[in-house]
Amino acid sequence: MARVKRGSVARKRRRQVLKNTKGARSANSKLFRSAQQHNMKALRYAYVDRRNKKREARRQWIIRCNSATRLYGIGYSQFIHQLAKSQVRLNRKVLAQLALSNPEDFKNILQVVIENE
């Protein structure tokens, strides 16, 4: 059976790990073992935070809608409930953008929702 030499493959793998941990401090960017652990943890954080980013964006939309609706004397949950009842098909992202950039259009939507109570 032929001998398998894989020094180049191992070197390539180690070089890639060290490249990924380039910005880390101390041994985490210099030594392969600690760099590998640091890299695995960083990838785990990246995975989790990609999901958290979506949560945070939705929270921000809700906060913006809530502050905009309170200017007109109606709470956020009431507003969303009335939106659903009056069959206005706008999501929270669009509503937050409207509240921020076009307050008069948002006010019109709010009036339509309040009239259909």
PDB file of N, CA and C in Angstrom:
ATOM      1  N   MET A   1       0.846  -1.182   0.000  1.00  0.00           N
ATOM      2  CA  MET A   1       0.000   0.000   0.000  1.00  0.00           C
ATOM      3  C   MET A   1       0.891   1.244   0.000  1.00  0.00           C
ATOM      4  N   ALA A   2       0.488   2.230  -0.770  1.00  0.00           N
ATOM      5  CA  ALA A   2       1.304   3.438  -0.890  1.00  0.00           C
ATOM      6  C   ALA A   2       1.173   4.309   0.353  1.00  0.00           C
ATOM      7  N   ARG A   3       2.241   5.021   0.648  1.00  0.00           N
ATOM      8  CA  ARG A   3       2.264   5.913   1.803  1.00  0.00           C
ATOM      9  C   ARG A   3       1.573   7.230   1.439  1.00  0.00           C
ATOM     10  N   VAL A   4       0.714   7.681   2.333  1.00  0.00           N
ATOM     11  CA  VAL A   4      -0.014   8.930   2.091  1.00  0.00           C
ATOM     12  C   VAL A   4       0.710  10.050   2.811  1.00  0.00           C
ATOM     13  N   LYS A   5       1.107  11.049   2.039  1.00  0.00           N
ATOM     14  CA  LYS A   5       1.776  12.212   2.628  1.00  0.00           C
ATOM     15  C   LYS A   5       0.805  13.380   2.533  1.00  0.00           C
ATOM     16  N   ARG A   6       0.489  13.970   3.662  1.00  0.00           N
ATOM     17  CA  ARG A   6      -0.524  15.031   3.641  1.00  0.00           C
ATOM     18  C   ARG A   6      -0.057  16.302   4.335  1.00  0.00           C
ATOM     19  N   GLY A   7       1.220  16.517   4.313  1.00  0.00           N
ATOM     20  CA  GLY A   7       1.779  17.708   4.943  1.00  0.00           C
ATOM     21  C   GLY A   7       1.241  18.986   4.328  1.00  0.00           C
ATOM     22  N   SER A   8       1.086  19.006   3.031  1.00  0.00           N
ATOM     23  CA  SER A   8       0.611  20.220   2.354  1.00  0.00           C
ATOM     24  C   SER A   8      -0.843  20.516   2.711  1.00  0.00           C
ATOM     25  N   VAL A   9      -1.652  19.469   2.850  1.00  0.00           N
ATOM     26  CA  VAL A   9      -3.065  19.642   3.198  1.00  0.00           C
ATOM     27  C   VAL A   9      -3.195  20.196   4.616  1.00  0.00           C
ATOM     28  N   ALA A  10      -2.425  19.625   5.542  1.00  0.00           N
ATOM     29  CA  ALA A  10      -2.462  20.084   6.936  1.00  0.00           C
ATOM     30  C   ALA A  10      -1.992  21.530   7.027  1.00  0.00           C
ATOM     31  N   ARG A  11      -0.928  21.842   6.292  1.00  0.00           N
ATOM     32  CA  ARG A  11      -0.404  23.207   6.297  1.00  0.00           C
ATOM     33  C   ARG A  11      -1.442  24.193   5.769  1.00  0.00           C
ATOM     34  N   LYS A  12      -2.126  23.779   4.713  1.00  0.00           N
ATOM     35  CA  LYS A  12      -3.162  24.647   4.117  1.00  0.00           C
ATOM     36  C   LYS A  12      -4.298  24.897   5.116  1.00  0.00           C
ATOM     37  N   ARG A  13      -4.704  23.837   5.818  1.00  0.00           N
ATOM     38  CA  ARG A  13      -5.781  23.958   6.804  1.00  0.00           C
ATOM     39  C   ARG A  13      -5.368  24.879   7.944  1.00  0.00           C
ATOM     40  N   ARG A  14      -4.144  24.701   8.440  1.00  0.00           N
ATOM     41  CA  ARG A  14      -3.651  25.546   9.535  1.00  0.00           C
ATOM     42  C   ARG A  14      -3.513  26.999   9.099  1.00  0.00           C
ATOM     43  N   ARG A  15      -3.032  27.187   7.887  1.00  0.00           N
ATOM     44  CA  ARG A  15      -2.872  28.549   7.372  1.00  0.00           C
ATOM     45  C   ARG A  15      -4.228  29.244   7.275  1.00  0.00           C
ATOM     46  N   GLN A  16      -5.248  28.488   6.871  1.00  0.00           N
ATOM     47  CA  GLN A  16      -6.597  29.051   6.743  1.00  0.00           C
ATOM     48  C   GLN A  16      -7.153  29.470   8.109  1.00  0.00           C
ATOM     49  N   VAL A  17      -6.943  28.627   9.114  1.00  0.00           N
ATOM     50  CA  VAL A  17      -7.419  28.948  10.468  1.00  0.00           C
ATOM     51  C   VAL A  17      -6.710  30.190  10.985  1.00  0.00           C
ATOM     52  N   LEU A  18      -5.395  30.261  10.804  1.00  0.00           N
ATOM     53  CA  LEU A  18      -4.635  31.427  11.266  1.00  0.00           C
ATOM     54  C   LEU A  18      -5.032  32.681  10.502  1.00  0.00           C
ATOM     55  N   LYS A  19      -5.387  32.517   9.246  1.00  0.00           N
ATOM     56  CA  LYS A  19      -5.849  33.663   8.448  1.00  0.00           C
ATOM     57  C   LYS A  19      -7.189  34.176   8.986  1.00  0.00           C
ATOM     58  N   ASN A  20      -8.072  33.252   9.370  1.00  0.00           N
ATOM     59  CA  ASN A  20      -9.389  33.637   9.895  1.00  0.00           C
ATOM     60  C   ASN A  20      -9.294  34.363  11.230  1.00  0.00           C
ATOM     61  N   THR A  21      -8.268  34.048  12.016  1.00  0.00           N
ATOM     62  CA  THR A  21      -8.139  34.655  13.344  1.00  0.00           C
ATOM     63  C   THR A  21      -7.117  35.786  13.353  1.00  0.00           C
ATOM     64  N   LYS A  22      -6.918  36.400  12.231  1.00  0.00           N
ATOM     65  CA  LYS A  22      -5.885  37.425  12.082  1.00  0.00           C
ATOM     66  C   LYS A  22      -6.066  38.598  13.048  1.00  0.00           C
ATOM     67  N   GLY A  23      -7.291  39.032  13.280  1.00  0.00           N
ATOM     68  CA  GLY A  23      -7.530  40.202  14.122  1.00  0.00           C
ATOM     69  C   GLY A  23      -7.568  39.914  15.610  1.00  0.00           C
ATOM     70  N   ALA A  24      -7.446  38.644  16.001  1.00  0.00           N
ATOM     71  CA  ALA A  24      -7.547  38.272  17.415  1.00  0.00           C
ATOM     72  C   ALA A  24      -6.290  38.687  18.175  1.00  0.00           C
ATOM     73  N   ARG A  25      -6.426  38.752  19.499  1.00  0.00           N
ATOM     74  CA  ARG A  25      -5.305  39.173  20.348  1.00  0.00           C
ATOM     75  C   ARG A  25      -4.448  37.986  20.767  1.00  0.00           C
ATOM     76  N   SER A  26      -3.208  38.271  21.043  1.00  0.00           N
ATOM     77  CA  SER A  26      -2.210  37.363  21.620  1.00  0.00           C
ATOM     78  C   SER A  26      -2.160  36.009  20.914  1.00  0.00           C
ATOM     79  N   ALA A  27      -2.163  34.931  21.696  1.00  0.00           N
ATOM     80  CA  ALA A  27      -1.983  33.585  21.145  1.00  0.00           C
ATOM     81  C   ALA A  27      -3.127  33.177  20.222  1.00  0.00           C
ATOM     82  N   ASN A  28      -4.275  33.794  20.388  1.00  0.00           N
ATOM     83  CA  ASN A  28      -5.427  33.430  19.562  1.00  0.00           C
ATOM     84  C   ASN A  28      -5.212  33.697  18.081  1.00  0.00           C
ATOM     85  N   SER A  29      -4.226  34.501  17.752  1.00  0.00           N
ATOM     86  CA  SER A  29      -3.942  34.734  16.338  1.00  0.00           C
ATOM     87  C   SER A  29      -2.606  34.137  15.911  1.00  0.00           C
ATOM     88  N   LYS A  30      -1.849  33.586  16.871  1.00  0.00           N
ATOM     89  CA  LYS A  30      -0.499  33.097  16.561  1.00  0.00           C
ATOM     90  C   LYS A  30      -0.378  31.572  16.631  1.00  0.00           C
ATOM     91  N   LEU A  31      -0.956  30.983  17.675  1.00  0.00           N
ATOM     92  CA  LEU A  31      -0.818  29.548  17.899  1.00  0.00           C
ATOM     93  C   LEU A  31      -2.029  28.809  17.344  1.00  0.00           C
ATOM     94  N   PHE A  32      -1.754  27.690  16.654  1.00  0.00           N
ATOM     95  CA  PHE A  32      -2.826  27.011  15.928  1.00  0.00           C
ATOM     96  C   PHE A  32      -3.942  26.514  16.839  1.00  0.00           C
ATOM     97  N   ARG A  33      -3.597  25.879  17.957  1.00  0.00           N
ATOM     98  CA  ARG A  33      -4.642  25.291  18.814  1.00  0.00           C
ATOM     99  C   ARG A  33      -5.595  26.348  19.369  1.00  0.00           C
ATOM    100  N   SER A  34      -5.026  27.374  19.944  1.00  0.00           N
ATOM    101  CA  SER A  34      -5.892  28.418  20.508  1.00  0.00           C
ATOM    102  C   SER A  34      -6.593  29.191  19.396  1.00  0.00           C
ATOM    103  N   ALA A  35      -5.936  29.333  18.250  1.00  0.00           N
ATOM    104  CA  ALA A  35      -6.566  30.009  17.109  1.00  0.00           C
ATOM    105  C   ALA A  35      -7.758  29.208  16.609  1.00  0.00           C
ATOM    106  N   GLN A  36      -7.604  27.892  16.616  1.00  0.00           N
ATOM    107  CA  GLN A  36      -8.695  27.027  16.159  1.00  0.00           C
ATOM    108  C   GLN A  36      -9.909  27.150  17.086  1.00  0.00           C
ATOM    109  N   GLN A  37      -9.665  27.171  18.389  1.00  0.00           N
ATOM    110  CA  GLN A  37     -10.761  27.328  19.348  1.00  0.00           C
ATOM    111  C   GLN A  37     -11.421  28.694  19.199  1.00  0.00           C
ATOM    112  N   HIS A  38     -10.585  29.702  19.042  1.00  0.00           N
ATOM    113  CA  HIS A  38     -11.093  31.068  18.866  1.00  0.00           C
ATOM    114  C   HIS A  38     -11.949  31.158  17.600  1.00  0.00           C
ATOM    115  N   ASN A  39     -11.491  30.507  16.550  1.00  0.00           N
ATOM    116  CA  ASN A  39     -12.206  30.506  15.269  1.00  0.00           C
ATOM    117  C   ASN A  39     -13.564  29.818  15.404  1.00  0.00           C
ATOM    118  N   MET A  40     -13.587  28.677  16.097  1.00  0.00           N
ATOM    119  CA  MET A  40     -14.849  27.954  16.276  1.00  0.00           C
ATOM    120  C   MET A  40     -15.855  28.787  17.063  1.00  0.00           C
ATOM    121  N   LYS A  41     -15.365  29.457  18.104  1.00  0.00           N
ATOM    122  CA  LYS A  41     -16.243  30.292  18.918  1.00  0.00           C
ATOM    123  C   LYS A  41     -16.748  31.483  18.112  1.00  0.00           C
ATOM    124  N   ALA A  42     -15.869  32.071  17.314  1.00  0.00           N
ATOM    125  CA  ALA A  42     -16.257  33.213  16.483  1.00  0.00           C
ATOM    126  C   ALA A  42     -17.330  32.815  15.477  1.00  0.00           C
ATOM    127  N   LEU A  43     -17.175  31.637  14.885  1.00  0.00           N
ATOM    128  CA  LEU A  43     -18.172  31.158  13.920  1.00  0.00           C
ATOM    129  C   LEU A  43     -19.514  30.913  14.608  1.00  0.00           C
ATOM    130  N   ARG A  44     -19.460  30.398  15.853  1.00  0.00           N
ATOM    131  CA  ARG A  44     -20.686  30.165  16.611  1.00  0.00           C
ATOM    132  C   ARG A  44     -21.394  31.487  16.908  1.00  0.00           C
ATOM    133  N   TYR A  45     -20.619  32.486  17.340  1.00  0.00           N
ATOM    134  CA  TYR A  45     -21.189  33.807  17.604  1.00  0.00           C
ATOM    135  C   TYR A  45     -21.783  34.407  16.336  1.00  0.00           C
ATOM    136  N   ALA A  46     -21.099  34.228  15.220  1.00  0.00           N
ATOM    137  CA  ALA A  46     -21.586  34.772  13.950  1.00  0.00           C
ATOM    138  C   ALA A  46     -22.927  34.142  13.587  1.00  0.00           C
ATOM    139  N   TYR A  47     -23.035  32.824  13.795  1.00  0.00           N
ATOM    140  CA  TYR A  47     -24.273  32.110  13.485  1.00  0.00           C
ATOM    141  C   TYR A  47     -25.426  32.631  14.339  1.00  0.00           C
ATOM    142  N   VAL A  48     -25.178  32.749  15.637  1.00  0.00           N
ATOM    143  CA  VAL A  48     -26.215  33.210  16.571  1.00  0.00           C
ATOM    144  C   VAL A  48     -26.618  34.646  16.259  1.00  0.00           C
ATOM    145  N   ASP A  49     -25.630  35.484  16.007  1.00  0.00           N
ATOM    146  CA  ASP A  49     -25.916  36.902  15.804  1.00  0.00           C
ATOM    147  C   ASP A  49     -26.609  37.197  14.481  1.00  0.00           C
ATOM    148  N   ARG A  50     -26.461  36.314  13.505  1.00  0.00           N
ATOM    149  CA  ARG A  50     -27.235  36.500  12.268  1.00  0.00           C
ATOM    150  C   ARG A  50     -28.725  36.363  12.556  1.00  0.00           C
ATOM    151  N   ARG A  51     -29.062  35.510  13.512  1.00  0.00           N
ATOM    152  CA  ARG A  51     -30.471  35.377  13.904  1.00  0.00           C
ATOM    153  C   ARG A  51     -30.901  36.531  14.808  1.00  0.00           C
ATOM    154  N   ASN A  52     -30.022  36.939  15.719  1.00  0.00           N
ATOM    155  CA  ASN A  52     -30.342  38.050  16.620  1.00  0.00           C
ATOM    156  C   ASN A  52     -30.551  39.347  15.857  1.00  0.00           C
ATOM    157  N   LYS A  53     -29.836  39.505  14.759  1.00  0.00           N
ATOM    158  CA  LYS A  53     -29.953  40.711  13.939  1.00  0.00           C
ATOM    159  C   LYS A  53     -31.392  40.884  13.447  1.00  0.00           C
ATOM    160  N   LYS A  54     -32.017  39.797  13.069  1.00  0.00           N
ATOM    161  CA  LYS A  54     -33.401  39.840  12.586  1.00  0.00           C
ATOM    162  C   LYS A  54     -34.352  40.213  13.725  1.00  0.00           C
ATOM    163  N   ARG A  55     -34.084  39.656  14.920  1.00  0.00           N
ATOM    164  CA  ARG A  55     -34.894  39.987  16.093  1.00  0.00           C
ATOM    165  C   ARG A  55     -34.800  41.459  16.436  1.00  0.00           C
ATOM    166  N   GLU A  56     -33.573  41.957  16.427  1.00  0.00           N
ATOM    167  CA  GLU A  56     -33.337  43.361  16.771  1.00  0.00           C
ATOM    168  C   GLU A  56     -34.005  44.294  15.769  1.00  0.00           C
ATOM    169  N   ALA A  57     -33.969  43.927  14.490  1.00  0.00           N
ATOM    170  CA  ALA A  57     -34.603  44.757  13.464  1.00  0.00           C
ATOM    171  C   ALA A  57     -36.108  44.826  13.707  1.00  0.00           C
ATOM    172  N   ARG A  58     -36.715  43.688  13.994  1.00  0.00           N
ATOM    173  CA  ARG A  58     -38.158  43.663  14.262  1.00  0.00           C
ATOM    174  C   ARG A  58     -38.496  44.494  15.501  1.00  0.00           C
ATOM    175  N   ARG A  59     -37.667  44.378  16.549  1.00  0.00           N
ATOM    176  CA  ARG A  59     -37.871  45.189  17.762  1.00  0.00           C
ATOM    177  C   ARG A  59     -37.841  46.669  17.444  1.00  0.00           C
ATOM    178  N   GLN A  60     -36.903  47.055  16.600  1.00  0.00           N
ATOM    179  CA  GLN A  60     -36.750  48.460  16.227  1.00  0.00           C
ATOM    180  C   GLN A  60     -37.982  48.958  15.480  1.00  0.00           C
ATOM    181  N   TRP A  61     -38.508  48.118  14.564  1.00  0.00           N
ATOM    182  CA  TRP A  61     -39.718  48.508  13.814  1.00  0.00           C
ATOM    183  C   TRP A  61     -40.881  48.717  14.773  1.00  0.00           C
ATOM    184  N   ILE A  62     -41.024  47.813  15.737  1.00  0.00           N
ATOM    185  CA  ILE A  62     -42.128  47.899  16.692  1.00  0.00           C
ATOM    186  C   ILE A  62     -41.995  49.160  17.540  1.00  0.00           C
ATOM    187  N   ILE A  63     -40.779  49.467  17.984  1.00  0.00           N
ATOM    188  CA  ILE A  63     -40.547  50.671  18.790  1.00  0.00           C
ATOM    189  C   ILE A  63     -40.924  51.918  17.999  1.00  0.00           C
ATOM    190  N   ARG A  64     -40.520  51.958  16.732  1.00  0.00           N
ATOM    191  CA  ARG A  64     -40.821  53.127  15.895  1.00  0.00           C
ATOM    192  C   ARG A  64     -42.319  53.275  15.661  1.00  0.00           C
ATOM    193  N   CYS A  65     -42.988  52.156  15.366  1.00  0.00           N
ATOM    194  CA  CYS A  65     -44.446  52.199  15.154  1.00  0.00           C
ATOM    195  C   CYS A  65     -45.154  52.633  16.430  1.00  0.00           C
ATOM    196  N   ASN A  66     -44.719  52.122  17.555  1.00  0.00           N
ATOM    197  CA  ASN A  66     -45.335  52.447  18.834  1.00  0.00           C
ATOM    198  C   ASN A  66     -45.218  53.936  19.130  1.00  0.00           C
ATOM    199  N   SER A  67     -44.026  54.486  18.939  1.00  0.00           N
ATOM    200  CA  SER A  67     -43.850  55.916  19.235  1.00  0.00           C
ATOM    201  C   SER A  67     -44.662  56.771  18.272  1.00  0.00           C
ATOM    202  N   ALA A  68     -44.796  56.324  17.020  1.00  0.00           N
ATOM    203  CA  ALA A  68     -45.576  57.091  16.045  1.00  0.00           C
ATOM    204  C   ALA A  68     -47.071  57.026  16.355  1.00  0.00           C
ATOM    205  N   THR A  69     -47.557  55.866  16.767  1.00  0.00           N
ATOM    206  CA  THR A  69     -48.989  55.735  17.055  1.00  0.00           C
ATOM    207  C   THR A  69     -49.371  56.471  18.336  1.00  0.00           C
ATOM    208  N   ARG A  70     -48.478  56.515  19.309  1.00  0.00           N
ATOM    209  CA  ARG A  70     -48.777  57.203  20.570  1.00  0.00           C
ATOM    210  C   ARG A  70     -48.933  58.705  20.392  1.00  0.00           C
ATOM    211  N   LEU A  71     -48.326  59.246  19.340  1.00  0.00           N
ATOM    212  CA  LEU A  71     -48.518  60.671  19.045  1.00  0.00           C
ATOM    213  C   LEU A  71     -49.987  60.982  18.754  1.00  0.00           C
ATOM    214  N   TYR A  72     -50.698  59.967  18.261  1.00  0.00           N
ATOM    215  CA  TYR A  72     -52.105  60.151  17.897  1.00  0.00           C
ATOM    216  C   TYR A  72     -53.051  59.475  18.883  1.00  0.00           C
ATOM    217  N   GLY A  73     -52.538  59.111  20.045  1.00  0.00           N
ATOM    218  CA  GLY A  73     -53.380  58.625  21.133  1.00  0.00           C
ATOM    219  C   GLY A  73     -53.847  57.191  21.016  1.00  0.00           C
ATOM    220  N   ILE A  74     -53.112  56.359  20.322  1.00  0.00           N
ATOM    221  CA  ILE A  74     -53.476  54.941  20.221  1.00  0.00           C
ATOM    222  C   ILE A  74     -52.211  54.122  20.472  1.00  0.00           C
ATOM    223  N   GLY A  75     -52.358  53.006  21.171  1.00  0.00           N
ATOM    224  CA  GLY A  75     -51.203  52.161  21.471  1.00  0.00           C
ATOM    225  C   GLY A  75     -50.852  51.264  20.298  1.00  0.00           C
ATOM    226  N   TYR A  76     -49.662  50.696  20.341  1.00  0.00           N
ATOM    227  CA  TYR A  76     -49.172  49.857  19.249  1.00  0.00           C
ATOM    228  C   TYR A  76     -50.027  48.609  19.061  1.00  0.00           C
ATOM    229  N   SER A  77     -50.319  47.907  20.155  1.00  0.00           N
ATOM    230  CA  SER A  77     -51.057  46.647  20.035  1.00  0.00           C
ATOM    231  C   SER A  77     -52.464  46.885  19.498  1.00  0.00           C
ATOM    232  N   GLN A  78     -53.076  47.969  19.941  1.00  0.00           N
ATOM    233  CA  GLN A  78     -54.400  48.343  19.426  1.00  0.00           C
ATOM    234  C   GLN A  78     -54.323  48.636  17.933  1.00  0.00           C
ATOM    235  N   PHE A  79     -53.286  49.370  17.558  1.00  0.00           N
ATOM    236  CA  PHE A  79     -53.079  49.749  16.161  1.00  0.00           C
ATOM    237  C   PHE A  79     -52.929  48.512  15.276  1.00  0.00           C
ATOM    238  N   ILE A  80     -52.107  47.563  15.693  1.00  0.00           N
ATOM    239  CA  ILE A  80     -51.883  46.338  14.911  1.00  0.00           C
ATOM    240  C   ILE A  80     -53.173  45.521  14.827  1.00  0.00           C
ATOM    241  N   HIS A  81     -53.906  45.462  15.939  1.00  0.00           N
ATOM    242  CA  HIS A  81     -55.176  44.730  15.950  1.00  0.00           C
ATOM    243  C   HIS A  81     -56.162  45.353  14.963  1.00  0.00           C
ATOM    244  N   GLN A  82     -56.272  46.675  14.994  1.00  0.00           N
ATOM    245  CA  GLN A  82     -57.196  47.364  14.084  1.00  0.00           C
ATOM    246  C   GLN A  82     -56.741  47.238  12.631  1.00  0.00           C
ATOM    247  N   LEU A  83     -55.431  47.209  12.409  1.00  0.00           N
ATOM    248  CA  LEU A  83     -54.905  47.003  11.050  1.00  0.00           C
ATOM    249  C   LEU A  83     -55.385  45.665  10.502  1.00  0.00           C
ATOM    250  N   ALA A  84     -55.275  44.645  11.323  1.00  0.00           N
ATOM    251  CA  ALA A  84     -55.693  43.310  10.898  1.00  0.00           C
ATOM    252  C   ALA A  84     -57.198  43.272  10.639  1.00  0.00           C
ATOM    253  N   LYS A  85     -57.974  43.920  11.518  1.00  0.00           N
ATOM    254  CA  LYS A  85     -59.430  43.946  11.344  1.00  0.00           C
ATOM    255  C   LYS A  85     -59.848  44.683  10.085  1.00  0.00           C
ATOM    256  N   SER A  86     -59.150  45.782   9.774  1.00  0.00           N
ATOM    257  CA  SER A  86     -59.516  46.569   8.592  1.00  0.00           C
ATOM    258  C   SER A  86     -58.837  46.054   7.324  1.00  0.00           C
ATOM    259  N   GLN A  87     -58.138  44.925   7.432  1.00  0.00           N
ATOM    260  CA  GLN A  87     -57.509  44.231   6.308  1.00  0.00           C
ATOM    261  C   GLN A  87     -56.522  45.106   5.530  1.00  0.00           C
ATOM    262  N   VAL A  88     -55.766  45.905   6.252  1.00  0.00           N
ATOM    263  CA  VAL A  88     -54.666  46.657   5.647  1.00  0.00           C
ATOM    264  C   VAL A  88     -53.448  45.752   5.697  1.00  0.00           C
ATOM    265  N   ARG A  89     -52.901  45.417   4.530  1.00  0.00           N
ATOM    266  CA  ARG A  89     -51.824  44.436   4.436  1.00  0.00           C
ATOM    267  C   ARG A  89     -50.448  45.103   4.379  1.00  0.00           C
ATOM    268  N   LEU A  90     -50.064  45.773   5.462  1.00  0.00           N
ATOM    269  CA  LEU A  90     -48.738  46.390   5.550  1.00  0.00           C
ATOM    270  C   LEU A  90     -47.983  45.753   6.709  1.00  0.00           C
ATOM    271  N   ASN A  91     -46.743  45.387   6.463  1.00  0.00           N
ATOM    272  CA  ASN A  91     -45.958  44.776   7.544  1.00  0.00           C
ATOM    273  C   ASN A  91     -45.299  45.838   8.410  1.00  0.00           C
ATOM    274  N   ARG A  92     -44.686  45.391   9.495  1.00  0.00           N
ATOM    275  CA  ARG A  92     -44.106  46.311  10.467  1.00  0.00           C
ATOM    276  C   ARG A  92     -42.956  47.121   9.887  1.00  0.00           C
ATOM    277  N   LYS A  93     -42.196  46.501   8.996  1.00  0.00           N
ATOM    278  CA  LYS A  93     -41.062  47.204   8.388  1.00  0.00           C
ATOM    279  C   LYS A  93     -41.541  48.402   7.578  1.00  0.00           C
ATOM    280  N   VAL A  94     -42.548  48.189   6.751  1.00  0.00           N
ATOM    281  CA  VAL A  94     -43.093  49.266   5.916  1.00  0.00           C
ATOM    282  C   VAL A  94     -43.721  50.344   6.792  1.00  0.00           C
ATOM    283  N   LEU A  95     -44.451  49.928   7.817  1.00  0.00           N
ATOM    284  CA  LEU A  95     -45.082  50.892   8.723  1.00  0.00           C
ATOM    285  C   LEU A  95     -44.035  51.760   9.428  1.00  0.00           C
ATOM    286  N   ALA A  96     -42.945  51.137   9.863  1.00  0.00           N
ATOM    287  CA  ALA A  96     -41.884  51.888  10.541  1.00  0.00           C
ATOM    288  C   ALA A  96     -41.224  52.880   9.586  1.00  0.00           C
ATOM    289  N   GLN A  97     -41.015  52.456   8.337  1.00  0.00           N
ATOM    290  CA  GLN A  97     -40.417  53.358   7.343  1.00  0.00           C
ATOM    291  C   GLN A  97     -41.350  54.520   7.044  1.00  0.00           C
ATOM    292  N   LEU A  98     -42.638  54.230   6.942  1.00  0.00           N
ATOM    293  CA  LEU A  98     -43.620  55.294   6.709  1.00  0.00           C
ATOM    294  C   LEU A  98     -43.640  56.281   7.875  1.00  0.00           C
ATOM    295  N   ALA A  99     -43.638  55.754   9.078  1.00  0.00           N
ATOM    296  CA  ALA A  99     -43.675  56.614  10.262  1.00  0.00           C
ATOM    297  C   ALA A  99     -42.454  57.522  10.322  1.00  0.00           C
ATOM    298  N   LEU A 100     -41.335  57.026   9.857  1.00  0.00           N
ATOM    299  CA  LEU A 100     -40.090  57.788   9.914  1.00  0.00           C
ATOM    300  C   LEU A 100     -39.970  58.793   8.775  1.00  0.00           C
ATOM    301  N   SER A 101     -40.254  58.341   7.549  1.00  0.00           N
ATOM    302  CA  SER A 101     -40.000  59.202   6.383  1.00  0.00           C
ATOM    303  C   SER A 101     -41.222  59.991   5.920  1.00  0.00           C
ATOM    304  N   ASN A 102     -42.425  59.409   6.024  1.00  0.00           N
ATOM    305  CA  ASN A 102     -43.655  60.081   5.577  1.00  0.00           C
ATOM    306  C   ASN A 102     -44.695  60.084   6.693  1.00  0.00           C
ATOM    307  N   PRO A 103     -44.545  60.948   7.675  1.00  0.00           N
ATOM    308  CA  PRO A 103     -45.490  60.947   8.805  1.00  0.00           C
ATOM    309  C   PRO A 103     -46.929  61.243   8.394  1.00  0.00           C
ATOM    310  N   GLU A 104     -47.119  62.061   7.345  1.00  0.00           N
ATOM    311  CA  GLU A 104     -48.498  62.374   6.927  1.00  0.00           C
ATOM    312  C   GLU A 104     -49.184  61.150   6.309  1.00  0.00           C
ATOM    313  N   ASP A 105     -48.439  60.324   5.561  1.00  0.00           N
ATOM    314  CA  ASP A 105     -49.023  59.085   5.034  1.00  0.00           C
ATOM    315  C   ASP A 105     -49.349  58.114   6.165  1.00  0.00           C
ATOM    316  N   PHE A 106     -48.461  58.057   7.139  1.00  0.00           N
ATOM    317  CA  PHE A 106     -48.700  57.195   8.300  1.00  0.00           C
ATOM    318  C   PHE A 106     -49.954  57.645   9.040  1.00  0.00           C
ATOM    319  N   LYS A 107     -50.131  58.958   9.150  1.00  0.00           N
ATOM    320  CA  LYS A 107     -51.312  59.509   9.819  1.00  0.00           C
ATOM    321  C   LYS A 107     -52.576  59.121   9.060  1.00  0.00           C
ATOM    322  N   ASN A 108     -52.519  59.146   7.713  1.00  0.00           N
ATOM    323  CA  ASN A 108     -53.670  58.739   6.900  1.00  0.00           C
ATOM    324  C   ASN A 108     -54.034  57.281   7.155  1.00  0.00           C
ATOM    325  N   ILE A 109     -53.032  56.422   7.217  1.00  0.00           N
ATOM    326  CA  ILE A 109     -53.279  55.004   7.505  1.00  0.00           C
ATOM    327  C   ILE A 109     -53.894  54.857   8.887  1.00  0.00           C
ATOM    328  N   LEU A 110     -53.378  55.611   9.830  1.00  0.00           N
ATOM    329  CA  LEU A 110     -53.886  55.574  11.198  1.00  0.00           C
ATOM    330  C   LEU A 110     -55.355  55.994  11.244  1.00  0.00           C
ATOM    331  N   GLN A 111     -55.702  57.033  10.493  1.00  0.00           N
ATOM    332  CA  GLN A 111     -57.089  57.504  10.458  1.00  0.00           C
ATOM    333  C   GLN A 111     -58.009  56.458   9.833  1.00  0.00           C
ATOM    334  N   VAL A 112     -57.538  55.800   8.779  1.00  0.00           N
ATOM    335  CA  VAL A 112     -58.331  54.729   8.150  1.00  0.00           C
ATOM    336  C   VAL A 112     -58.585  53.616   9.157  1.00  0.00           C
ATOM    337  N   VAL A 113     -57.560  53.269   9.904  1.00  0.00           N
ATOM    338  CA  VAL A 113     -57.678  52.200  10.898  1.00  0.00           C
ATOM    339  C   VAL A 113     -58.633  52.604  12.017  1.00  0.00           C
ATOM    340  N   ILE A 114     -58.518  53.847  12.498  1.00  0.00           N
ATOM    341  CA  ILE A 114     -59.371  54.320  13.591  1.00  0.00           C
ATOM    342  C   ILE A 114     -60.827  54.413  13.149  1.00  0.00           C
ATOM    343  N   GLU A 115     -61.070  54.822  11.901  1.00  0.00           N
ATOM    344  CA  GLU A 115     -62.445  54.925  11.383  1.00  0.00           C
ATOM    345  C   GLU A 115     -63.126  53.572  11.323  1.00  0.00           C
ATOM    346  N   ASN A 116     -62.356  52.511  11.050  1.00  0.00           N
ATOM    347  CA  ASN A 116     -62.927  51.169  10.914  1.00  0.00           C
ATOM    348  C   ASN A 116     -63.112  50.455  12.251  1.00  0.00           C
ATOM    349  N   GLU A 117     -62.935  51.160  13.359  1.00  0.00           N
ATOM    350  CA  GLU A 117     -63.080  50.540  14.680  1.00  0.00           C
ATOM    351  C   GLU A 117     -64.424  49.990  14.889  1.00  0.00           C
TER     352      GLU A 117
END
